Amino acid sequence: MDRVGVAYTFIFDEIEEKVLMVKNKGSGWSLPGGAVEEGETFEQAAIRESIEETNVTIEIENIVAVNEAFFEDKGHLALFITFKAKTVEGSIKILHKDEIEEIKWLDINSANKLLPYHAGGVESLLEASAPYTFQG
């Protein structure tokens, strides 16, 4: 079984207390993110995916979650790393209408309903912190 890396970005507006989420065509709501491409780090993938999916440039702060899942039908094990990040520039806009249906800043309760794979919800992501270091 192949291992696949997936990077997600948890972008939280502390003033409005809202989470930036995307509605992917055919698979529902998620944090911005996607597969790590060959030759790319998880951090680079998170930054690239945020721009591609939301038109927002981010700065990575730290890791807030690590998840794994078997996708037997696809023959791989996915490793999901979720980074907390802050926006640097850009305004939300759908750039790839063939992939993204909608982008929204959602309140904590709404986001929690759409993030069942984070047991403690948005609150746990706000409290979690693990350093990320690329060692070359």
N, C-alpha and C. Protein backbone atom coordinates (compact mmCIF):
# COMPACT_ATOMS: atom_id res chain seq x y z
N MET A 1 0.85 -1.18 0.00
CA MET A 1 0.00 0.00 0.00
C MET A 1 0.89 1.24 0.00
N ASP A 2 0.62 2.17 -0.87
CA ASP A 2 1.39 3.40 -0.97
C ASP A 2 0.97 4.39 0.12
N ARG A 3 1.93 5.20 0.56
CA ARG A 3 1.63 6.27 1.51
C ARG A 3 1.50 7.57 0.71
N VAL A 4 0.45 8.32 1.02
CA VAL A 4 0.18 9.59 0.36
C VAL A 4 0.17 10.69 1.41
N GLY A 5 0.87 11.79 1.13
CA GLY A 5 0.88 12.93 2.04
C GLY A 5 -0.17 13.95 1.64
N VAL A 6 -0.89 14.46 2.64
CA VAL A 6 -1.92 15.48 2.40
C VAL A 6 -1.72 16.59 3.43
N ALA A 7 -1.67 17.83 2.94
CA ALA A 7 -1.48 18.99 3.82
C ALA A 7 -2.75 19.83 3.84
N TYR A 8 -3.20 20.15 5.05
CA TYR A 8 -4.36 21.02 5.23
C TYR A 8 -3.94 22.28 5.98
N THR A 9 -4.73 23.33 5.82
CA THR A 9 -4.43 24.58 6.49
C THR A 9 -5.64 25.04 7.30
N PHE A 10 -5.41 25.24 8.59
CA PHE A 10 -6.41 25.76 9.50
C PHE A 10 -6.16 27.26 9.62
N ILE A 11 -7.03 28.04 8.98
CA ILE A 11 -6.90 29.50 8.97
C ILE A 11 -8.05 30.05 9.80
N PHE A 12 -7.71 30.68 10.92
CA PHE A 12 -8.71 31.15 11.87
C PHE A 12 -8.62 32.66 12.01
N ASP A 13 -9.75 33.33 11.80
CA ASP A 13 -9.83 34.78 11.99
C ASP A 13 -10.16 35.01 13.46
N GLU A 14 -9.18 35.46 14.23
CA GLU A 14 -9.35 35.62 15.68
C GLU A 14 -10.31 36.75 16.04
N ILE A 15 -10.43 37.74 15.19
CA ILE A 15 -11.34 38.86 15.47
C ILE A 15 -12.79 38.42 15.25
N GLU A 16 -13.06 37.83 14.11
CA GLU A 16 -14.42 37.37 13.78
C GLU A 16 -14.74 36.00 14.37
N GLU A 17 -13.71 35.28 14.83
CA GLU A 17 -13.84 33.91 15.33
C GLU A 17 -14.47 33.00 14.29
N LYS A 18 -13.85 33.00 13.10
CA LYS A 18 -14.33 32.18 11.99
C LYS A 18 -13.19 31.40 11.35
N VAL A 19 -13.55 30.27 10.75
CA VAL A 19 -12.61 29.36 10.10
C VAL A 19 -12.84 29.41 8.59
N LEU A 20 -11.75 29.50 7.82
CA LEU A 20 -11.86 29.50 6.36
C LEU A 20 -11.97 28.06 5.88
N MET A 21 -13.08 27.77 5.16
CA MET A 21 -13.31 26.42 4.65
C MET A 21 -13.72 26.47 3.19
N VAL A 22 -13.48 25.35 2.51
CA VAL A 22 -13.83 25.23 1.09
C VAL A 22 -14.78 24.06 0.89
N LYS A 23 -15.69 24.23 -0.05
CA LYS A 23 -16.59 23.13 -0.43
C LYS A 23 -16.04 22.55 -1.73
N ASN A 24 -15.51 21.34 -1.62
CA ASN A 24 -14.93 20.67 -2.78
C ASN A 24 -16.01 20.00 -3.61
N LYS A 25 -15.90 20.11 -4.92
CA LYS A 25 -16.90 19.47 -5.78
C LYS A 25 -16.86 17.96 -5.57
N GLY A 26 -18.00 17.42 -5.25
CA GLY A 26 -18.14 15.98 -5.10
C GLY A 26 -17.71 15.39 -3.77
N SER A 27 -17.15 16.21 -2.85
CA SER A 27 -16.73 15.61 -1.59
C SER A 27 -17.01 16.46 -0.35
N GLY A 28 -17.72 17.54 -0.47
CA GLY A 28 -18.13 18.32 0.69
C GLY A 28 -17.11 19.32 1.18
N TRP A 29 -17.33 19.77 2.42
CA TRP A 29 -16.53 20.84 3.02
C TRP A 29 -15.27 20.30 3.67
N SER A 30 -14.20 21.11 3.62
CA SER A 30 -12.95 20.78 4.30
C SER A 30 -12.16 22.05 4.52
N LEU A 31 -11.08 21.91 5.24
CA LEU A 31 -10.11 22.98 5.30
C LEU A 31 -9.40 23.04 3.96
N PRO A 32 -8.83 24.18 3.57
CA PRO A 32 -8.06 24.21 2.32
C PRO A 32 -6.90 23.22 2.41
N GLY A 33 -6.69 22.46 1.35
CA GLY A 33 -5.58 21.51 1.37
C GLY A 33 -5.66 20.51 0.25
N GLY A 34 -4.64 19.67 0.20
CA GLY A 34 -4.60 18.65 -0.83
C GLY A 34 -3.30 17.88 -0.79
N ALA A 35 -3.10 17.05 -1.80
CA ALA A 35 -1.96 16.15 -1.86
C ALA A 35 -0.63 16.89 -1.97
N VAL A 36 0.35 16.32 -1.30
CA VAL A 36 1.72 16.81 -1.41
C VAL A 36 2.29 16.26 -2.72
N GLU A 37 2.78 17.15 -3.56
CA GLU A 37 3.33 16.73 -4.86
C GLU A 37 4.78 16.29 -4.71
N GLU A 38 5.25 15.50 -5.67
CA GLU A 38 6.63 15.00 -5.62
C GLU A 38 7.62 16.17 -5.55
N GLY A 39 8.59 16.06 -4.65
CA GLY A 39 9.60 17.10 -4.50
C GLY A 39 9.15 18.28 -3.65
N GLU A 40 8.00 18.16 -3.02
CA GLU A 40 7.40 19.26 -2.25
C GLU A 40 7.32 18.85 -0.78
N THR A 41 7.53 19.78 0.13
CA THR A 41 7.35 19.50 1.55
C THR A 41 5.87 19.67 1.91
N PHE A 42 5.51 19.20 3.09
CA PHE A 42 4.14 19.41 3.57
C PHE A 42 3.84 20.90 3.69
N GLU A 43 4.79 21.67 4.18
CA GLU A 43 4.60 23.11 4.33
C GLU A 43 4.38 23.78 2.97
N GLN A 44 5.20 23.43 1.99
CA GLN A 44 5.04 24.00 0.65
C GLN A 44 3.69 23.62 0.05
N ALA A 45 3.25 22.39 0.27
CA ALA A 45 1.95 21.95 -0.24
C ALA A 45 0.81 22.74 0.40
N ALA A 46 0.90 22.97 1.70
CA ALA A 46 -0.15 23.72 2.40
C ALA A 46 -0.25 25.14 1.85
N ILE A 47 0.88 25.77 1.63
CA ILE A 47 0.90 27.13 1.09
C ILE A 47 0.34 27.15 -0.33
N ARG A 48 0.79 26.22 -1.17
CA ARG A 48 0.32 26.15 -2.56
C ARG A 48 -1.18 25.87 -2.62
N GLU A 49 -1.63 24.89 -1.85
CA GLU A 49 -3.06 24.54 -1.88
C GLU A 49 -3.93 25.69 -1.39
N SER A 50 -3.49 26.42 -0.39
CA SER A 50 -4.26 27.58 0.09
C SER A 50 -4.43 28.62 -1.01
N ILE A 51 -3.36 28.88 -1.74
CA ILE A 51 -3.44 29.84 -2.85
C ILE A 51 -4.36 29.30 -3.94
N GLU A 52 -4.16 28.03 -4.34
CA GLU A 52 -4.96 27.45 -5.41
C GLU A 52 -6.45 27.38 -5.07
N GLU A 53 -6.76 27.06 -3.83
CA GLU A 53 -8.16 26.84 -3.45
C GLU A 53 -8.87 28.10 -2.97
N THR A 54 -8.12 29.08 -2.43
CA THR A 54 -8.79 30.25 -1.84
C THR A 54 -8.30 31.59 -2.35
N ASN A 55 -7.18 31.61 -3.08
CA ASN A 55 -6.54 32.85 -3.54
C ASN A 55 -5.91 33.63 -2.37
N VAL A 56 -5.68 32.97 -1.26
CA VAL A 56 -5.11 33.61 -0.08
C VAL A 56 -3.69 33.08 0.16
N THR A 57 -2.74 33.98 0.29
CA THR A 57 -1.37 33.62 0.63
C THR A 57 -1.28 33.55 2.15
N ILE A 58 -0.65 32.49 2.64
CA ILE A 58 -0.58 32.26 4.09
C ILE A 58 0.86 32.16 4.57
N GLU A 59 0.98 32.26 5.88
CA GLU A 59 2.24 31.99 6.57
C GLU A 59 1.97 30.89 7.58
N ILE A 60 2.72 29.81 7.48
CA ILE A 60 2.55 28.67 8.38
C ILE A 60 3.03 29.03 9.78
N GLU A 61 2.25 28.64 10.79
CA GLU A 61 2.64 28.87 12.17
C GLU A 61 3.15 27.58 12.83
N ASN A 62 2.33 26.51 12.84
CA ASN A 62 2.73 25.25 13.46
C ASN A 62 1.76 24.14 13.05
N ILE A 63 2.04 22.95 13.50
CA ILE A 63 1.16 21.81 13.24
C ILE A 63 0.12 21.74 14.35
N VAL A 64 -1.15 21.54 13.96
CA VAL A 64 -2.21 21.43 14.97
C VAL A 64 -2.90 20.06 14.96
N ALA A 65 -2.64 19.25 13.94
CA ALA A 65 -3.24 17.90 13.92
C ALA A 65 -2.49 17.01 12.94
N VAL A 66 -2.44 15.73 13.30
CA VAL A 66 -1.90 14.69 12.42
C VAL A 66 -2.92 13.57 12.42
N ASN A 67 -3.39 13.18 11.25
CA ASN A 67 -4.39 12.11 11.11
C ASN A 67 -3.90 11.13 10.04
N GLU A 68 -4.40 9.91 10.10
CA GLU A 68 -4.12 8.90 9.08
C GLU A 68 -5.42 8.20 8.70
N ALA A 69 -5.47 7.71 7.46
CA ALA A 69 -6.64 6.95 7.03
C ALA A 69 -6.25 6.00 5.91
N PHE A 70 -6.81 4.77 5.96
CA PHE A 70 -6.63 3.82 4.87
C PHE A 70 -7.69 4.10 3.81
N PHE A 71 -7.27 4.11 2.56
CA PHE A 71 -8.18 4.20 1.42
C PHE A 71 -7.92 2.95 0.59
N GLU A 72 -8.51 1.85 1.03
CA GLU A 72 -8.24 0.56 0.41
C GLU A 72 -8.64 0.52 -1.05
N ASP A 73 -9.74 1.23 -1.41
CA ASP A 73 -10.18 1.25 -2.80
C ASP A 73 -9.15 1.92 -3.71
N LYS A 74 -8.37 2.83 -3.15
CA LYS A 74 -7.32 3.52 -3.92
C LYS A 74 -5.94 2.90 -3.68
N GLY A 75 -5.89 1.99 -2.71
CA GLY A 75 -4.63 1.30 -2.42
C GLY A 75 -3.59 2.16 -1.73
N HIS A 76 -4.04 3.09 -0.87
CA HIS A 76 -3.05 3.87 -0.15
C HIS A 76 -3.47 4.23 1.27
N LEU A 77 -2.44 4.59 2.03
CA LEU A 77 -2.60 5.10 3.37
C LEU A 77 -2.27 6.59 3.31
N ALA A 78 -3.19 7.42 3.73
CA ALA A 78 -2.98 8.87 3.68
C ALA A 78 -2.55 9.38 5.04
N LEU A 79 -1.51 10.22 5.03
CA LEU A 79 -1.06 10.92 6.21
C LEU A 79 -1.45 12.37 6.03
N PHE A 80 -2.34 12.86 6.93
CA PHE A 80 -2.83 14.23 6.86
C PHE A 80 -2.14 15.07 7.93
N ILE A 81 -1.50 16.15 7.53
CA ILE A 81 -0.92 17.09 8.48
C ILE A 81 -1.66 18.41 8.32
N THR A 82 -2.20 18.90 9.43
CA THR A 82 -2.92 20.17 9.43
C THR A 82 -2.08 21.23 10.11
N PHE A 83 -1.82 22.30 9.37
CA PHE A 83 -1.05 23.43 9.87
C PHE A 83 -1.99 24.57 10.26
N LYS A 84 -1.67 25.26 11.34
CA LYS A 84 -2.33 26.53 11.62
C LYS A 84 -1.57 27.58 10.83
N ALA A 85 -2.30 28.52 10.25
CA ALA A 85 -1.64 29.55 9.45
C ALA A 85 -2.39 30.86 9.58
N LYS A 86 -1.71 31.92 9.23
CA LYS A 86 -2.37 33.23 9.19
C LYS A 86 -2.29 33.76 7.77
N THR A 87 -3.28 34.55 7.41
CA THR A 87 -3.31 35.12 6.07
C THR A 87 -2.28 36.24 5.97
N VAL A 88 -1.63 36.32 4.81
CA VAL A 88 -0.63 37.34 4.56
C VAL A 88 -1.18 38.36 3.55
N GLU A 89 -1.81 37.83 2.49
CA GLU A 89 -2.40 38.71 1.49
C GLU A 89 -3.42 37.95 0.66
N GLY A 90 -4.22 38.71 -0.07
CA GLY A 90 -5.22 38.12 -0.96
C GLY A 90 -6.61 38.17 -0.36
N SER A 91 -7.59 38.07 -1.22
CA SER A 91 -8.98 38.00 -0.79
C SER A 91 -9.57 36.74 -1.38
N ILE A 92 -10.48 36.10 -0.63
CA ILE A 92 -10.99 34.80 -1.07
C ILE A 92 -11.69 34.91 -2.42
N LYS A 93 -11.36 33.94 -3.26
CA LYS A 93 -11.88 33.90 -4.62
C LYS A 93 -11.68 32.48 -5.14
N ILE A 94 -12.69 31.96 -5.82
CA ILE A 94 -12.55 30.64 -6.43
C ILE A 94 -11.77 30.78 -7.72
N LEU A 95 -10.61 30.13 -7.77
CA LEU A 95 -9.77 30.16 -8.96
C LEU A 95 -10.00 28.94 -9.84
N HIS A 96 -10.35 27.81 -9.23
CA HIS A 96 -10.55 26.55 -9.97
C HIS A 96 -11.99 26.08 -9.78
N LYS A 97 -12.88 26.60 -10.60
CA LYS A 97 -14.31 26.28 -10.46
C LYS A 97 -14.62 24.82 -10.73
N ASP A 98 -13.70 24.12 -11.37
CA ASP A 98 -13.89 22.69 -11.62
C ASP A 98 -13.61 21.86 -10.36
N GLU A 99 -12.96 22.47 -9.35
CA GLU A 99 -12.63 21.75 -8.12
C GLU A 99 -13.35 22.29 -6.88
N ILE A 100 -13.55 23.60 -6.83
CA ILE A 100 -14.11 24.24 -5.64
C ILE A 100 -15.47 24.86 -5.96
N GLU A 101 -16.49 24.51 -5.15
CA GLU A 101 -17.84 25.06 -5.35
C GLU A 101 -18.04 26.37 -4.59
N GLU A 102 -17.45 26.43 -3.38
CA GLU A 102 -17.72 27.57 -2.51
C GLU A 102 -16.59 27.73 -1.50
N ILE A 103 -16.35 28.97 -1.08
CA ILE A 103 -15.39 29.28 -0.02
C ILE A 103 -16.12 30.15 0.98
N LYS A 104 -15.97 29.82 2.28
CA LYS A 104 -16.68 30.59 3.31
C LYS A 104 -15.87 30.68 4.59
N TRP A 105 -16.04 31.80 5.28
CA TRP A 105 -15.60 31.92 6.66
C TRP A 105 -16.77 31.44 7.51
N LEU A 106 -16.58 30.35 8.25
CA LEU A 106 -17.65 29.76 9.04
C LEU A 106 -17.41 29.95 10.53
N ASP A 107 -18.49 30.17 11.28
CA ASP A 107 -18.36 30.29 12.73
C ASP A 107 -17.94 28.94 13.30
N ILE A 108 -17.47 28.96 14.53
CA ILE A 108 -16.92 27.75 15.15
C ILE A 108 -17.92 26.59 15.17
N ASN A 109 -19.17 26.85 15.55
CA ASN A 109 -20.17 25.77 15.61
C ASN A 109 -20.41 25.15 14.24
N SER A 110 -20.53 25.97 13.21
CA SER A 110 -20.73 25.45 11.85
C SER A 110 -19.53 24.65 11.39
N ALA A 111 -18.33 25.17 11.66
CA ALA A 111 -17.11 24.46 11.26
C ALA A 111 -16.99 23.12 11.98
N ASN A 112 -17.35 23.09 13.26
CA ASN A 112 -17.27 21.83 14.02
C ASN A 112 -18.15 20.75 13.42
N LYS A 113 -19.29 21.11 12.90
CA LYS A 113 -20.19 20.14 12.29
C LYS A 113 -19.59 19.55 11.02
N LEU A 114 -18.68 20.29 10.38
CA LEU A 114 -18.09 19.86 9.12
C LEU A 114 -16.70 19.25 9.29
N LEU A 115 -16.19 19.22 10.52
CA LEU A 115 -14.85 18.69 10.79
C LEU A 115 -14.92 17.51 11.76
N PRO A 116 -15.61 16.43 11.41
CA PRO A 116 -15.79 15.32 12.36
C PRO A 116 -14.50 14.57 12.67
N TYR A 117 -13.49 14.71 11.82
CA TYR A 117 -12.23 13.99 12.02
C TYR A 117 -11.30 14.69 13.01
N HIS A 118 -11.72 15.82 13.56
CA HIS A 118 -10.98 16.48 14.63
C HIS A 118 -11.86 16.41 15.88
N ALA A 119 -11.59 15.40 16.72
CA ALA A 119 -12.46 15.06 17.85
C ALA A 119 -12.78 16.24 18.76
N GLY A 120 -11.83 17.09 19.03
CA GLY A 120 -12.07 18.22 19.91
C GLY A 120 -12.55 19.45 19.19
N GLY A 121 -12.80 19.33 17.89
CA GLY A 121 -13.30 20.44 17.09
C GLY A 121 -12.29 21.57 16.94
N VAL A 122 -12.80 22.70 16.50
CA VAL A 122 -11.98 23.89 16.28
C VAL A 122 -11.25 24.27 17.56
N GLU A 123 -11.90 24.11 18.70
CA GLU A 123 -11.29 24.47 19.97
C GLU A 123 -9.97 23.72 20.19
N SER A 124 -9.95 22.44 19.83
CA SER A 124 -8.71 21.66 20.01
C SER A 124 -7.62 22.13 19.05
N LEU A 125 -8.02 22.54 17.84
CA LEU A 125 -7.03 23.05 16.88
C LEU A 125 -6.44 24.38 17.34
N LEU A 126 -7.26 25.17 18.02
CA LEU A 126 -6.77 26.46 18.53
C LEU A 126 -5.76 26.26 19.67
N GLU A 127 -5.91 25.18 20.42
CA GLU A 127 -5.04 24.92 21.57
C GLU A 127 -3.80 24.10 21.19
N ALA A 128 -3.88 23.32 20.12
CA ALA A 128 -2.78 22.42 19.76
C ALA A 128 -1.62 23.17 19.14
N SER A 129 -0.43 22.63 19.35
CA SER A 129 0.75 23.24 18.74
C SER A 129 1.91 22.28 18.79
N ALA A 130 2.44 21.98 17.62
CA ALA A 130 3.67 21.18 17.52
C ALA A 130 4.54 21.88 16.49
N PRO A 131 5.82 22.00 16.77
CA PRO A 131 6.69 22.68 15.80
C PRO A 131 6.84 21.87 14.52
N TYR A 132 7.07 22.56 13.44
CA TYR A 132 7.35 21.92 12.15
C TYR A 132 8.74 22.36 11.73
N THR A 133 9.58 21.38 11.41
CA THR A 133 10.93 21.67 10.95
C THR A 133 11.22 20.83 9.73
N PHE A 134 11.62 21.45 8.65
CA PHE A 134 12.10 20.72 7.48
C PHE A 134 13.60 20.56 7.66
N GLN A 135 14.07 19.32 7.67
CA GLN A 135 15.47 19.06 7.97
C GLN A 135 16.34 18.84 6.75
N GLY A 136 15.82 19.21 5.59
CA GLY A 136 16.66 19.13 4.40
C GLY A 136 16.57 17.92 3.62
